[in-house]
Structures are given as C-alpha cells and as structure tokens.
Amino acid sequence: MRPRSDTVEAAEQWFSDHWPDDLVWPDGIPRPPKSKPQEAA
C-alpha cells in the first residue's frame, strides 16, 4: 500500500513548519515554505 500524496504533503508541511531554525534541512528533500500563522478566531 502506497501512502496518499495528500498525507505525504501534509507531513512534509508539518515538518517544515516545526523544523528548528538551527538545523539544516536534509539534502535531496525539497522544503515547502513555512505556512503563514492563522489568526485566532
């Protein structure tokens, strides 16, 4: 069974948003831009 692309993309986005600024992003993996913070309702 292969992972769904939307699940993989969501995981990549989560890691990008939570990756520490002082750590280098892994080579060979394109990093999505960080999400903009959502305003509280």
PDB file of N, CA and C in Angstrom:
ATOM      1  N   MET A   1       0.855  -1.184   0.000  1.00  0.00           N
ATOM      2  CA  MET A   1       0.000   0.000   0.000  1.00  0.00           C
ATOM      3  C   MET A   1       0.892   1.235   0.000  1.00  0.00           C
ATOM      4  N   ARG A   2       0.624   2.131  -0.916  1.00  0.00           N
ATOM      5  CA  ARG A   2       1.412   3.360  -1.028  1.00  0.00           C
ATOM      6  C   ARG A   2       0.727   4.484  -0.249  1.00  0.00           C
ATOM      7  N   PRO A   3       1.522   5.379   0.355  1.00  0.00           N
ATOM      8  CA  PRO A   3       0.899   6.493   1.081  1.00  0.00           C
ATOM      9  C   PRO A   3       0.197   7.442   0.108  1.00  0.00           C
ATOM     10  N   ARG A   4      -0.876   8.042   0.568  1.00  0.00           N
ATOM     11  CA  ARG A   4      -1.593   9.022  -0.247  1.00  0.00           C
ATOM     12  C   ARG A   4      -0.752  10.284  -0.361  1.00  0.00           C
ATOM     13  N   SER A   5      -0.774  10.900  -1.524  1.00  0.00           N
ATOM     14  CA  SER A   5       0.050  12.092  -1.731  1.00  0.00           C
ATOM     15  C   SER A   5      -0.354  13.240  -0.808  1.00  0.00           C
ATOM     16  N   ASP A   6      -1.651  13.365  -0.493  1.00  0.00           N
ATOM     17  CA  ASP A   6      -2.047  14.460   0.396  1.00  0.00           C
ATOM     18  C   ASP A   6      -1.548  14.232   1.816  1.00  0.00           C
ATOM     19  N   THR A   7      -1.425  12.965   2.223  1.00  0.00           N
ATOM     20  CA  THR A   7      -0.889  12.649   3.549  1.00  0.00           C
ATOM     21  C   THR A   7       0.602  12.973   3.597  1.00  0.00           C
ATOM     22  N   VAL A   8       1.316  12.616   2.545  1.00  0.00           N
ATOM     23  CA  VAL A   8       2.758  12.905   2.472  1.00  0.00           C
ATOM     24  C   VAL A   8       2.984  14.416   2.459  1.00  0.00           C
ATOM     25  N   GLU A   9       2.208  15.130   1.676  1.00  0.00           N
ATOM     26  CA  GLU A   9       2.355  16.587   1.610  1.00  0.00           C
ATOM     27  C   GLU A   9       2.046  17.240   2.954  1.00  0.00           C
ATOM     28  N   ALA A  10       1.041  16.745   3.649  1.00  0.00           N
ATOM     29  CA  ALA A  10       0.706  17.295   4.968  1.00  0.00           C
ATOM     30  C   ALA A  10       1.839  17.039   5.956  1.00  0.00           C
ATOM     31  N   ALA A  11       2.439  15.858   5.890  1.00  0.00           N
ATOM     32  CA  ALA A  11       3.564  15.546   6.779  1.00  0.00           C
ATOM     33  C   ALA A  11       4.763  16.433   6.463  1.00  0.00           C
ATOM     34  N   GLU A  12       5.063  16.612   5.182  1.00  0.00           N
ATOM     35  CA  GLU A  12       6.173  17.494   4.790  1.00  0.00           C
ATOM     36  C   GLU A  12       5.928  18.909   5.292  1.00  0.00           C
ATOM     37  N   GLN A  13       4.694  19.382   5.158  1.00  0.00           N
ATOM     38  CA  GLN A  13       4.371  20.737   5.614  1.00  0.00           C
ATOM     39  C   GLN A  13       4.530  20.858   7.116  1.00  0.00           C
ATOM     40  N   TRP A  14       4.074  19.842   7.862  1.00  0.00           N
ATOM     41  CA  TRP A  14       4.197  19.878   9.311  1.00  0.00           C
ATOM     42  C   TRP A  14       5.677  19.961   9.714  1.00  0.00           C
ATOM     43  N   PHE A  15       6.499  19.111   9.097  1.00  0.00           N
ATOM     44  CA  PHE A  15       7.923  19.138   9.428  1.00  0.00           C
ATOM     45  C   PHE A  15       8.541  20.481   9.065  1.00  0.00           C
ATOM     46  N   SER A  16       8.191  21.042   7.920  1.00  0.00           N
ATOM     47  CA  SER A  16       8.725  22.338   7.527  1.00  0.00           C
ATOM     48  C   SER A  16       8.334  23.421   8.525  1.00  0.00           C
ATOM     49  N   ASP A  17       7.081  23.393   8.963  1.00  0.00           N
ATOM     50  CA  ASP A  17       6.597  24.401   9.912  1.00  0.00           C
ATOM     51  C   ASP A  17       7.231  24.265  11.290  1.00  0.00           C
ATOM     52  N   HIS A  18       7.628  23.058  11.676  1.00  0.00           N
ATOM     53  CA  HIS A  18       8.138  22.809  13.023  1.00  0.00           C
ATOM     54  C   HIS A  18       9.640  22.537  13.081  1.00  0.00           C
ATOM     55  N   TRP A  19      10.316  22.592  11.937  1.00  0.00           N
ATOM     56  CA  TRP A  19      11.748  22.298  11.889  1.00  0.00           C
ATOM     57  C   TRP A  19      12.514  23.407  12.597  1.00  0.00           C
ATOM     58  N   PRO A  20      13.423  23.060  13.519  1.00  0.00           N
ATOM     59  CA  PRO A  20      14.192  24.092  14.225  1.00  0.00           C
ATOM     60  C   PRO A  20      15.042  24.919  13.257  1.00  0.00           C
ATOM     61  N   ASP A  21      15.083  26.210  13.493  1.00  0.00           N
ATOM     62  CA  ASP A  21      15.832  27.113  12.619  1.00  0.00           C
ATOM     63  C   ASP A  21      17.327  26.829  12.615  1.00  0.00           C
ATOM     64  N   ASP A  22      17.840  26.231  13.694  1.00  0.00           N
ATOM     65  CA  ASP A  22      19.281  25.993  13.772  1.00  0.00           C
ATOM     66  C   ASP A  22      19.703  24.636  13.195  1.00  0.00           C
ATOM     67  N   LEU A  23      18.763  23.866  12.637  1.00  0.00           N
ATOM     68  CA  LEU A  23      19.097  22.589  11.998  1.00  0.00           C
ATOM     69  C   LEU A  23      19.007  22.723  10.490  1.00  0.00           C
ATOM     70  N   VAL A  24      19.930  22.052   9.791  1.00  0.00           N
ATOM     71  CA  VAL A  24      19.941  22.069   8.336  1.00  0.00           C
ATOM     72  C   VAL A  24      18.865  21.111   7.828  1.00  0.00           C
ATOM     73  N   TRP A  25      18.083  21.558   6.862  1.00  0.00           N
ATOM     74  CA  TRP A  25      17.075  20.703   6.231  1.00  0.00           C
ATOM     75  C   TRP A  25      17.817  19.622   5.432  1.00  0.00           C
ATOM     76  N   PRO A  26      17.324  18.369   5.430  1.00  0.00           N
ATOM     77  CA  PRO A  26      18.021  17.278   4.736  1.00  0.00           C
ATOM     78  C   PRO A  26      18.195  17.543   3.235  1.00  0.00           C
ATOM     79  N   ASP A  27      19.372  17.191   2.717  1.00  0.00           N
ATOM     80  CA  ASP A  27      19.641  17.307   1.290  1.00  0.00           C
ATOM     81  C   ASP A  27      18.737  16.359   0.514  1.00  0.00           C
ATOM     82  N   GLY A  28      18.359  16.758  -0.674  1.00  0.00           N
ATOM     83  CA  GLY A  28      17.576  15.901  -1.545  1.00  0.00           C
ATOM     84  C   GLY A  28      16.088  15.917  -1.275  1.00  0.00           C
ATOM     85  N   ILE A  29      15.658  16.677  -0.283  1.00  0.00           N
ATOM     86  CA  ILE A  29      14.231  16.777   0.021  1.00  0.00           C
ATOM     87  C   ILE A  29      13.845  18.244  -0.125  1.00  0.00           C
ATOM     88  N   PRO A  30      13.008  18.559  -1.122  1.00  0.00           N
ATOM     89  CA  PRO A  30      12.609  19.964  -1.258  1.00  0.00           C
ATOM     90  C   PRO A  30      11.765  20.399  -0.064  1.00  0.00           C
ATOM     91  N   ARG A  31      12.100  21.548   0.463  1.00  0.00           N
ATOM     92  CA  ARG A  31      11.385  22.049   1.644  1.00  0.00           C
ATOM     93  C   ARG A  31      10.271  22.998   1.223  1.00  0.00           C
ATOM     94  N   PRO A  32       9.037  22.685   1.617  1.00  0.00           N
ATOM     95  CA  PRO A  32       7.960  23.617   1.318  1.00  0.00           C
ATOM     96  C   PRO A  32       8.118  24.873   2.170  1.00  0.00           C
ATOM     97  N   PRO A  33       7.647  26.013   1.678  1.00  0.00           N
ATOM     98  CA  PRO A  33       7.730  27.220   2.509  1.00  0.00           C
ATOM     99  C   PRO A  33       6.867  27.056   3.756  1.00  0.00           C
ATOM    100  N   LYS A  34       7.299  27.713   4.834  1.00  0.00           N
ATOM    101  CA  LYS A  34       6.512  27.640   6.066  1.00  0.00           C
ATOM    102  C   LYS A  34       5.133  28.229   5.852  1.00  0.00           C
ATOM    103  N   SER A  35       4.144  27.639   6.510  1.00  0.00           N
ATOM    104  CA  SER A  35       2.779  28.144   6.445  1.00  0.00           C
ATOM    105  C   SER A  35       2.707  29.477   7.177  1.00  0.00           C
ATOM    106  N   LYS A  36       1.807  30.316   6.726  1.00  0.00           N
ATOM    107  CA  LYS A  36       1.569  31.565   7.432  1.00  0.00           C
ATOM    108  C   LYS A  36       0.740  31.250   8.662  1.00  0.00           C
ATOM    109  N   PRO A  37       1.059  31.857   9.808  1.00  0.00           N
ATOM    110  CA  PRO A  37       0.255  31.612  11.011  1.00  0.00           C
ATOM    111  C   PRO A  37      -1.188  32.051  10.783  1.00  0.00           C
ATOM    112  N   GLN A  38      -2.112  31.239  11.274  1.00  0.00           N
ATOM    113  CA  GLN A  38      -3.520  31.591  11.152  1.00  0.00           C
ATOM    114  C   GLN A  38      -3.928  32.463  12.325  1.00  0.00           C
ATOM    115  N   GLU A  39      -4.762  33.445  12.034  1.00  0.00           N
ATOM    116  CA  GLU A  39      -5.230  34.325  13.093  1.00  0.00           C
ATOM    117  C   GLU A  39      -6.251  33.604  13.954  1.00  0.00           C
ATOM    118  N   ALA A  40      -6.220  33.896  15.242  1.00  0.00           N
ATOM    119  CA  ALA A  40      -7.188  33.289  16.160  1.00  0.00           C
ATOM    120  C   ALA A  40      -8.576  33.856  15.889  1.00  0.00           C
ATOM    121  N   ALA A  41      -9.566  33.021  16.025  1.00  0.00           N
ATOM    122  CA  ALA A  41     -10.944  33.460  15.757  1.00  0.00           C
ATOM    123  C   ALA A  41     -11.538  34.180  16.939  1.00  0.00           C
TER     124      ALA A  41
END
